[in-house]
Amino acid sequence: MTAEGFLEGRRLQMARGVLLQCIMGGYPPARFYGSDDGDLALVADSTQIHRLPWSAQPRAFAICDADELSGESSRLSTRGQLKSVIARYTALGLVPVVATELEFFVFAPNTDPTQPFQPPLGLDGRREEGHSAFSVSSNNGLRPFFSEVYACMAALGLPRDTFMHEMGVSQFEINLLHGDPLLLADQTFLFKHLLKEVALKHGLTVVCMAKPLAHTPGSSMHIHQSIVEIDSGRNVFSDEAGQPTATFRHFIGGQQAAMADFTALFAPNVNSYQRLCHPFASPNNACWSHDNRAAGLRIPASSPIARRVENRLPGADANPYLAIAASLAAGLHGIENQLEPSEAIQGEFDVPDNLSLPCTLHAALERLKRSPLAKELFGKEFIEGYVASKTMELTSFFDEITPWERRVLAAQA
């Protein structure tokens, strides 16, 4: 939209079905978004309008809500779903607090998708070989790129906590500061967009796939969650003596109860399960533990005031609005129904059958499709539309034969 049109308050409308557009560009049948495929209004959030510092021409970026023309939030909008979950906490006098940890890879341009990604040439003229995890000089070869990333974050008002090189080849992680869940979802979304745009300026490719490289750790989007009282600001996961509360237990119990049903919301793509099949500290279970990275739900070591639950299932490819909404909705379900968690696990452990999760997109979608809880918390329209769109993507994947199949199976008798 032109700046003039935006400033005049001209309404921007979009076909309802676009909210269910799959990643290849197609749409499920119209019955999933209304047979008329009428319009939605895109209503800009006045706190999320940003001048884009990396753009040579003056451009702005506005994060919008997708609202029905009658004024209410569209049930197909993931941002709307998150706002609805937050409102349910507010009605109980509670405020959820979250932080995201986003991992991503920086690669050289990949013009042939049949070939593996490669790390870029650094300032020293060499490609990283994967020995730089947590090194103080690990991003020196990409210093111009990261310098502009930091500058653009500052210009957009995106506060960052820590930035580090992760375990993978040319893999990095940012920890965003904890705060309001909607704000953190907006910041995570905007940061991913920033990364890709700045990378293009520097002749690089940023990839937020869950598992872009074989034999290498995948990329997660861990979600840290706590809850405070609106009036006092007290963390309700800790009592006055600094001990865990019943609310803390119930929150974990709700996460465990919903995790298998919601796996397709946290791991939305075929590639997501490559990360979960070869864990490398990317656990595909609903166990919980104190400071054990093999558990899907980890309680980081902290002071009582910072007691929180880390959901380690979501990948970097997850929709931040939907992943945060699903995680918080699961926890609230546990609080409202006083669900008790399993016993905490420590050290090496075998995952009990009742805490195992779907390990393919097909299995995860089947579980989501049959989940009364998912339809109760997110609405039948959203869940059925989401499953329909993701099923199209899965079908498209199965329409292709992979190089592995040709290489290994063609010679079989």
Protein backbone atom coordinates (compact mmCIF):
# COMPACT_ATOMS: atom_id res chain seq x y z
CA MET A 1 0.00 0.00 0.00
CA THR A 2 1.21 3.53 -0.64
CA ALA A 3 2.19 5.62 2.36
CA GLU A 4 -0.54 8.10 1.41
CA GLY A 5 -3.21 5.42 1.37
CA PHE A 6 -2.05 4.01 4.69
CA LEU A 7 -1.96 7.42 6.40
CA GLU A 8 -5.43 8.23 5.08
CA GLY A 9 -6.71 5.14 6.89
CA ARG A 10 -7.72 3.35 3.71
CA ARG A 11 -8.88 -0.18 4.60
CA LEU A 12 -6.78 -3.01 3.22
CA GLN A 13 -8.76 -6.14 2.52
CA MET A 14 -7.67 -9.68 1.67
CA ALA A 15 -9.46 -12.86 0.67
CA ARG A 16 -10.22 -15.04 3.71
CA GLY A 17 -8.69 -18.12 2.13
CA VAL A 18 -5.21 -16.57 2.11
CA LEU A 19 -4.93 -17.43 5.82
CA LEU A 20 -4.97 -21.11 4.82
CA GLN A 21 -2.63 -20.78 1.84
CA CYS A 22 -0.12 -23.64 1.95
CA ILE A 23 3.61 -23.15 1.52
CA MET A 24 3.54 -24.16 -2.17
CA GLY A 25 0.95 -21.48 -2.87
CA GLY A 26 -2.26 -23.54 -3.22
CA TYR A 27 -5.40 -23.62 -1.10
CA PRO A 28 -7.56 -26.35 0.44
CA PRO A 29 -11.20 -26.59 -0.70
CA ALA A 30 -13.24 -23.44 -0.12
CA ARG A 31 -15.43 -25.14 2.50
CA PHE A 32 -12.56 -24.69 4.98
CA TYR A 33 -12.63 -20.88 4.77
CA GLY A 34 -16.17 -20.13 3.61
CA SER A 35 -17.50 -20.99 0.21
CA ASP A 36 -17.81 -17.33 -0.79
CA ASP A 37 -14.13 -16.67 0.08
CA GLY A 38 -15.12 -13.22 1.25
CA ASP A 39 -12.73 -10.53 2.44
CA LEU A 40 -11.02 -9.91 5.74
CA ALA A 41 -9.79 -6.51 6.92
CA LEU A 42 -6.08 -6.17 7.70
CA VAL A 43 -5.92 -3.80 10.66
CA ALA A 44 -2.44 -2.50 11.47
CA ASP A 45 -1.28 -2.70 15.08
CA SER A 46 -0.21 0.87 15.81
CA THR A 47 2.65 -0.39 18.03
CA GLN A 48 4.05 -2.55 15.25
CA ILE A 49 4.64 -0.16 12.35
CA HIS A 50 8.33 0.01 11.48
CA ARG A 51 10.47 1.90 9.00
CA LEU A 52 12.72 -0.74 7.45
CA PRO A 53 16.33 0.31 8.01
CA TRP A 54 17.81 -2.11 5.47
CA SER A 55 15.69 -0.86 2.57
CA ALA A 56 17.38 1.47 0.06
CA GLN A 57 13.99 2.99 -0.77
CA PRO A 58 11.81 4.30 2.10
CA ARG A 59 9.55 1.44 3.12
CA ALA A 60 7.56 0.56 6.23
CA PHE A 61 6.33 -2.73 7.59
CA ALA A 62 3.07 -3.02 9.52
CA ILE A 63 2.04 -6.13 11.46
CA CYS A 64 -1.72 -6.48 11.13
CA ASP A 65 -4.62 -8.29 12.71
CA ALA A 66 -6.89 -10.18 10.33
CA ASP A 67 -10.45 -9.22 11.30
CA GLU A 68 -13.80 -10.18 9.87
CA LEU A 69 -15.57 -7.27 8.21
CA SER A 70 -18.05 -7.38 11.09
CA GLY A 71 -15.17 -6.43 13.43
CA GLU A 72 -14.31 -9.58 15.36
CA SER A 73 -10.98 -11.36 14.98
CA SER A 74 -10.88 -14.07 12.32
CA ARG A 75 -10.71 -17.54 13.83
CA LEU A 76 -8.25 -18.45 11.07
CA SER A 77 -5.73 -15.82 12.25
CA THR A 78 -2.87 -17.20 14.33
CA ARG A 79 -2.21 -13.75 15.82
CA GLY A 80 -5.88 -13.60 16.72
CA GLN A 81 -5.65 -17.04 18.33
CA LEU A 82 -2.76 -15.88 20.51
CA LYS A 83 -4.66 -12.75 21.58
CA SER A 84 -7.61 -14.96 22.53
CA VAL A 85 -5.42 -17.18 24.73
CA ILE A 86 -3.91 -14.13 26.45
CA ALA A 87 -7.43 -12.79 27.11
CA ARG A 88 -8.35 -16.03 28.88
CA TYR A 89 -5.42 -15.54 31.24
CA THR A 90 -6.42 -11.91 31.79
CA ALA A 91 -9.93 -12.99 32.81
CA LEU A 92 -8.32 -14.98 35.63
CA GLY A 93 -6.19 -12.04 36.78
CA LEU A 94 -3.05 -13.56 35.27
CA VAL A 95 -0.45 -12.44 32.73
CA PRO A 96 1.70 -14.98 30.86
CA VAL A 97 5.33 -14.02 30.27
CA VAL A 98 7.38 -15.67 27.54
CA ALA A 99 10.77 -15.52 25.87
CA THR A 100 11.88 -17.22 22.66
CA GLU A 101 15.24 -18.66 21.71
CA LEU A 102 15.57 -18.79 17.93
CA GLU A 103 18.26 -20.79 16.12
CA PHE A 104 19.11 -20.31 12.44
CA PHE A 105 21.77 -21.12 9.86
CA VAL A 106 23.70 -18.68 7.66
CA PHE A 107 24.63 -20.25 4.32
CA ALA A 108 26.09 -19.33 0.98
CA PRO A 109 23.48 -18.87 -1.78
CA ASN A 110 21.96 -22.20 -2.79
CA THR A 111 20.82 -21.92 -6.40
CA ASP A 112 20.43 -25.69 -6.89
CA PRO A 113 18.08 -27.16 -4.26
CA THR A 114 19.26 -30.68 -5.12
CA GLN A 115 22.64 -29.81 -3.60
CA PRO A 116 23.33 -29.49 0.16
CA PHE A 117 23.64 -26.10 1.81
CA GLN A 118 27.19 -24.84 2.35
CA PRO A 119 28.53 -22.36 4.89
CA PRO A 120 29.56 -19.04 3.34
CA LEU A 121 33.09 -17.88 2.69
CA GLY A 122 34.27 -15.88 5.68
CA LEU A 123 36.51 -12.83 5.73
CA ASP A 124 39.48 -15.22 5.82
CA GLY A 125 38.36 -16.80 2.51
CA ARG A 126 37.50 -20.14 4.13
CA ARG A 127 34.28 -21.98 4.92
CA GLU A 128 33.53 -22.88 8.52
CA GLU A 129 33.84 -26.58 9.33
CA GLY A 130 31.74 -26.65 12.48
CA HIS A 131 34.29 -26.27 15.26
CA SER A 132 33.19 -22.82 16.45
CA ALA A 133 30.32 -23.53 18.84
CA PHE A 134 30.28 -20.95 21.65
CA SER A 135 33.62 -19.51 20.50
CA VAL A 136 34.22 -15.80 21.16
CA SER A 137 35.43 -15.38 17.57
CA SER A 138 32.89 -17.65 15.92
CA ASN A 139 31.11 -14.94 13.89
CA ASN A 140 34.23 -12.99 12.87
CA GLY A 141 33.97 -14.30 9.33
CA LEU A 142 30.45 -12.87 9.11
CA ARG A 143 31.10 -9.67 11.04
CA PRO A 144 29.70 -7.24 8.40
CA PHE A 145 26.46 -9.22 8.26
CA PHE A 146 26.01 -9.41 12.02
CA SER A 147 26.96 -5.75 12.47
CA GLU A 148 24.06 -4.77 10.23
CA VAL A 149 21.74 -7.25 11.96
CA TYR A 150 22.52 -5.63 15.32
CA ALA A 151 22.06 -2.13 13.88
CA CYS A 152 18.73 -3.04 12.30
CA MET A 153 17.52 -4.63 15.53
CA ALA A 154 18.32 -1.43 17.38
CA ALA A 155 16.55 0.67 14.74
CA LEU A 156 13.43 -1.52 15.00
CA GLY A 157 13.47 -1.53 18.81
CA LEU A 158 14.15 -5.26 19.06
CA PRO A 159 15.96 -5.84 22.38
CA ARG A 160 18.23 -8.87 22.48
CA ASP A 161 19.59 -10.78 25.42
CA THR A 162 22.37 -13.06 24.13
CA PHE A 163 23.64 -13.98 20.69
CA MET A 164 25.89 -16.99 20.18
CA HIS A 165 27.22 -19.56 17.75
CA GLU A 166 25.33 -22.81 18.18
CA MET A 167 26.40 -26.44 17.65
CA GLY A 168 25.80 -26.65 13.90
CA VAL A 169 27.98 -25.49 11.02
CA SER A 170 27.37 -21.73 10.66
CA GLN A 171 24.43 -22.02 13.09
CA PHE A 172 23.57 -19.19 15.48
CA GLU A 173 21.07 -18.47 18.24
CA ILE A 174 19.47 -15.34 19.61
CA ASN A 175 17.64 -15.10 22.93
CA LEU A 176 14.99 -12.39 22.93
CA LEU A 177 14.15 -10.68 26.23
CA HIS A 178 11.12 -12.05 28.08
CA GLY A 179 7.88 -10.12 28.05
CA ASP A 180 4.31 -9.99 26.75
CA PRO A 181 3.56 -13.06 24.57
CA LEU A 182 2.06 -11.06 21.69
CA LEU A 183 5.02 -8.69 21.68
CA LEU A 184 7.47 -11.61 21.69
CA ALA A 185 5.63 -13.31 18.82
CA ASP A 186 5.75 -10.04 16.85
CA GLN A 187 9.45 -9.60 17.64
CA THR A 188 10.29 -13.19 16.67
CA PHE A 189 8.40 -12.84 13.38
CA LEU A 190 9.99 -9.47 12.62
CA PHE A 191 13.47 -10.73 13.52
CA LYS A 192 13.19 -13.68 11.11
CA HIS A 193 12.14 -11.28 8.35
CA LEU A 194 15.04 -8.95 9.23
CA LEU A 195 17.55 -11.82 9.10
CA LYS A 196 16.54 -12.91 5.61
CA GLU A 197 16.46 -9.37 4.20
CA VAL A 198 19.85 -8.35 5.62
CA ALA A 199 21.36 -11.66 4.49
CA LEU A 200 20.33 -10.96 0.89
CA LYS A 201 22.12 -7.61 1.03
CA HIS A 202 25.30 -9.43 2.03
CA GLY A 203 25.05 -12.20 -0.56
CA LEU A 204 24.04 -14.76 2.09
CA THR A 205 21.08 -17.04 2.75
CA VAL A 206 19.51 -17.38 6.20
CA VAL A 207 17.62 -20.64 6.67
CA CYS A 208 15.12 -21.26 9.47
CA MET A 209 14.34 -24.84 8.47
CA ALA A 210 14.19 -27.21 11.43
CA LYS A 211 16.89 -29.47 9.94
CA PRO A 212 18.73 -28.05 6.90
CA LEU A 213 21.87 -30.22 7.23
CA ALA A 214 22.26 -33.96 7.78
CA HIS A 215 24.40 -35.16 10.71
CA THR A 216 24.07 -31.72 12.29
CA PRO A 217 21.87 -30.38 15.09
CA GLY A 218 18.64 -28.80 13.94
CA SER A 219 17.25 -25.37 14.76
CA SER A 220 14.74 -24.89 17.55
CA MET A 221 12.53 -22.11 18.85
CA HIS A 222 12.40 -22.91 22.56
CA ILE A 223 9.64 -21.08 24.44
CA HIS A 224 10.21 -20.04 28.08
CA GLN A 225 6.96 -19.50 29.99
CA SER A 226 5.97 -18.13 33.37
CA ILE A 227 2.82 -16.49 34.76
CA VAL A 228 2.45 -13.45 37.02
CA GLU A 229 -0.49 -11.94 38.83
CA ILE A 230 -1.84 -8.78 37.24
CA ASP A 231 -2.16 -6.93 40.54
CA SER A 232 1.02 -7.92 42.34
CA GLY A 233 3.37 -9.01 39.55
CA ARG A 234 4.18 -12.13 41.59
CA ASN A 235 5.33 -15.23 39.71
CA VAL A 236 2.57 -17.72 40.54
CA PHE A 237 4.94 -20.65 39.93
CA SER A 238 6.68 -19.90 43.28
CA ASP A 239 5.19 -19.44 46.75
CA GLU A 240 6.35 -17.01 49.45
CA ALA A 241 8.93 -19.56 50.65
CA GLY A 242 10.34 -19.86 47.11
CA GLN A 243 8.92 -23.36 46.57
CA PRO A 244 7.02 -24.60 43.49
CA THR A 245 3.25 -24.07 43.69
CA ALA A 246 0.29 -26.22 42.69
CA THR A 247 -0.24 -23.81 39.77
CA PHE A 248 3.27 -24.65 38.55
CA ARG A 249 2.50 -28.38 38.68
CA HIS A 250 -0.84 -27.92 36.93
CA PHE A 251 0.74 -25.85 34.17
CA ILE A 252 3.22 -28.66 33.49
CA GLY A 253 0.40 -31.20 33.65
CA GLY A 254 -1.53 -29.29 30.99
CA GLN A 255 1.51 -29.07 28.74
CA GLN A 256 2.03 -32.83 29.05
CA ALA A 257 -1.65 -33.57 28.39
CA ALA A 258 -1.72 -31.52 25.18
CA MET A 259 1.76 -31.97 23.74
CA ALA A 260 1.04 -35.00 21.54
CA ASP A 261 -2.21 -33.50 20.24
CA PHE A 262 -0.44 -30.19 19.48
CA THR A 263 2.76 -31.60 17.95
CA ALA A 264 1.70 -30.55 14.43
CA LEU A 265 1.37 -26.95 15.71
CA PHE A 266 4.93 -26.99 17.10
CA ALA A 267 6.44 -29.05 14.26
CA PRO A 268 4.48 -27.95 11.17
CA ASN A 269 6.56 -29.30 8.26
CA VAL A 270 7.87 -32.61 6.94
CA ASN A 271 11.39 -31.43 7.71
CA SER A 272 10.44 -30.69 11.34
CA TYR A 273 10.57 -34.41 12.11
CA GLN A 274 14.10 -34.73 10.75
CA ARG A 275 15.12 -32.58 13.70
CA LEU A 276 13.05 -34.64 16.13
CA CYS A 277 14.14 -38.04 14.78
CA HIS A 278 17.82 -37.22 15.39
CA PRO A 279 17.41 -35.29 18.61
CA PHE A 280 20.78 -33.60 19.38
CA ALA A 281 19.06 -32.05 22.42
CA SER A 282 15.83 -31.60 20.42
CA PRO A 283 13.61 -33.96 22.40
CA ASN A 284 10.40 -35.41 20.99
CA ASN A 285 8.75 -36.33 24.28
CA ALA A 286 6.40 -34.84 26.86
CA CYS A 287 8.60 -35.68 29.85
CA TRP A 288 9.60 -32.91 32.23
CA SER A 289 12.78 -32.43 34.19
CA HIS A 290 14.82 -30.01 36.22
CA ASP A 291 17.56 -28.74 33.92
CA ASN A 292 17.73 -31.82 31.65
CA ARG A 293 17.88 -30.99 27.94
CA ALA A 294 16.68 -34.47 26.99
CA ALA A 295 13.19 -33.61 28.28
CA GLY A 296 10.60 -31.92 26.11
CA LEU A 297 9.68 -29.72 29.08
CA ARG A 298 12.71 -28.40 30.96
CA ILE A 299 12.75 -26.36 34.14
CA PRO A 300 15.91 -24.22 33.84
CA ALA A 301 17.96 -23.59 36.95
CA SER A 302 16.83 -20.21 38.28
CA SER A 303 15.83 -18.21 41.32
CA PRO A 304 12.20 -18.67 42.53
CA ILE A 305 11.19 -15.32 41.02
CA ALA A 306 12.31 -16.55 37.57
CA ARG A 307 10.85 -20.08 37.81
CA ARG A 308 9.63 -21.00 34.34
CA VAL A 309 8.81 -23.89 32.02
CA GLU A 310 10.79 -24.24 28.78
CA ASN A 311 8.95 -25.97 25.93
CA ARG A 312 11.76 -27.44 23.81
CA LEU A 313 9.59 -29.04 21.10
CA PRO A 314 9.00 -26.12 18.67
CA GLY A 315 11.41 -25.77 15.77
CA ALA A 316 12.66 -22.59 14.16
CA ASP A 317 10.18 -23.30 11.36
CA ALA A 318 7.17 -22.97 13.67
CA ASN A 319 4.77 -20.03 13.42
CA PRO A 320 5.67 -18.05 16.58
CA TYR A 321 2.09 -16.86 17.13
CA LEU A 322 0.66 -20.36 16.89
CA ALA A 323 3.42 -22.10 18.84
CA ILE A 324 3.19 -19.64 21.74
CA ALA A 325 -0.62 -19.78 21.68
CA ALA A 326 -0.62 -23.59 21.73
CA SER A 327 1.91 -23.81 24.56
CA LEU A 328 0.14 -21.24 26.74
CA ALA A 329 -3.29 -22.72 26.02
CA ALA A 330 -2.04 -26.14 27.08
CA GLY A 331 -0.69 -24.74 30.35
CA LEU A 332 -3.92 -22.89 31.08
CA HIS A 333 -5.88 -26.08 30.38
CA GLY A 334 -3.83 -27.76 33.10
CA ILE A 335 -4.41 -24.91 35.57
CA GLU A 336 -8.16 -24.78 34.98
CA ASN A 337 -8.54 -28.55 35.30
CA GLN A 338 -5.91 -29.00 38.05
CA LEU A 339 -4.00 -31.60 36.04
CA GLU A 340 -1.09 -33.26 37.79
CA PRO A 341 2.14 -33.93 35.88
CA SER A 342 4.08 -37.17 35.78
CA GLU A 343 7.10 -37.62 38.00
CA ALA A 344 10.09 -35.53 36.93
CA ILE A 345 12.85 -37.44 35.17
CA GLN A 346 16.59 -36.95 35.55
CA GLY A 347 19.67 -38.34 33.81
CA GLU A 348 19.27 -40.83 30.97
CA PHE A 349 15.75 -42.18 30.67
CA ASP A 350 13.38 -44.17 28.49
CA VAL A 351 10.28 -42.29 27.35
CA PRO A 352 7.07 -43.89 28.65
CA ASP A 353 4.53 -44.71 25.95
CA ASN A 354 2.03 -42.19 27.32
CA LEU A 355 4.60 -39.38 26.99
CA SER A 356 5.84 -40.19 23.49
CA LEU A 357 4.95 -37.89 20.60
CA PRO A 358 4.12 -38.38 16.92
CA CYS A 359 7.33 -38.76 14.91
CA THR A 360 6.04 -37.89 11.41
CA LEU A 361 3.91 -35.06 10.06
CA HIS A 362 1.28 -37.58 8.94
CA ALA A 363 0.96 -39.03 12.45
CA ALA A 364 0.92 -35.56 14.01
CA LEU A 365 -1.85 -34.33 11.70
CA GLU A 366 -3.92 -37.44 12.38
CA ARG A 367 -3.54 -36.83 16.13
CA LEU A 368 -4.48 -33.15 15.76
CA LYS A 369 -7.46 -33.96 13.53
CA ARG A 370 -8.89 -36.33 16.15
CA SER A 371 -8.23 -34.05 19.14
CA PRO A 372 -11.33 -32.74 20.96
CA LEU A 373 -9.01 -30.59 23.08
CA ALA A 374 -7.53 -28.82 20.05
CA LYS A 375 -10.99 -28.01 18.71
CA GLU A 376 -12.13 -26.85 22.14
CA LEU A 377 -9.19 -24.47 22.57
CA PHE A 378 -8.75 -23.21 19.00
CA GLY A 379 -12.11 -23.88 17.37
CA LYS A 380 -13.18 -26.49 14.85
CA GLU A 381 -12.83 -24.06 11.93
CA PHE A 382 -9.17 -23.33 12.65
CA ILE A 383 -8.08 -26.91 13.35
CA GLU A 384 -9.86 -28.37 10.32
CA GLY A 385 -8.50 -25.63 8.05
CA TYR A 386 -4.96 -26.01 9.40
CA VAL A 387 -5.03 -29.79 8.93
CA ALA A 388 -6.39 -29.38 5.39
CA SER A 389 -3.61 -26.98 4.41
CA LYS A 390 -0.86 -29.09 5.98
CA THR A 391 -2.25 -32.23 4.36
CA MET A 392 -1.86 -30.54 0.97
CA GLU A 393 1.79 -29.86 1.79
CA LEU A 394 2.36 -33.45 2.89
CA THR A 395 0.74 -34.74 -0.30
CA SER A 396 2.99 -32.47 -2.37
CA PHE A 397 6.04 -33.90 -0.57
CA PHE A 398 4.95 -37.46 -1.36
CA ASP A 399 4.49 -36.50 -5.02
CA GLU A 400 8.29 -36.34 -5.33
CA ILE A 401 10.86 -39.14 -5.19
CA THR A 402 13.91 -38.24 -3.13
CA PRO A 403 17.57 -38.74 -4.18
CA TRP A 404 17.93 -41.28 -1.34
CA GLU A 405 15.21 -43.45 -2.84
CA ARG A 406 16.80 -43.38 -6.30
CA ARG A 407 20.30 -43.96 -4.93
CA VAL A 408 19.50 -46.79 -2.52
CA LEU A 409 16.33 -48.49 -3.73
CA ALA A 410 16.77 -48.51 -7.51
CA ALA A 411 19.35 -51.30 -7.29
CA GLN A 412 17.17 -53.57 -5.16
CA ALA A 413 15.90 -56.77 -6.74
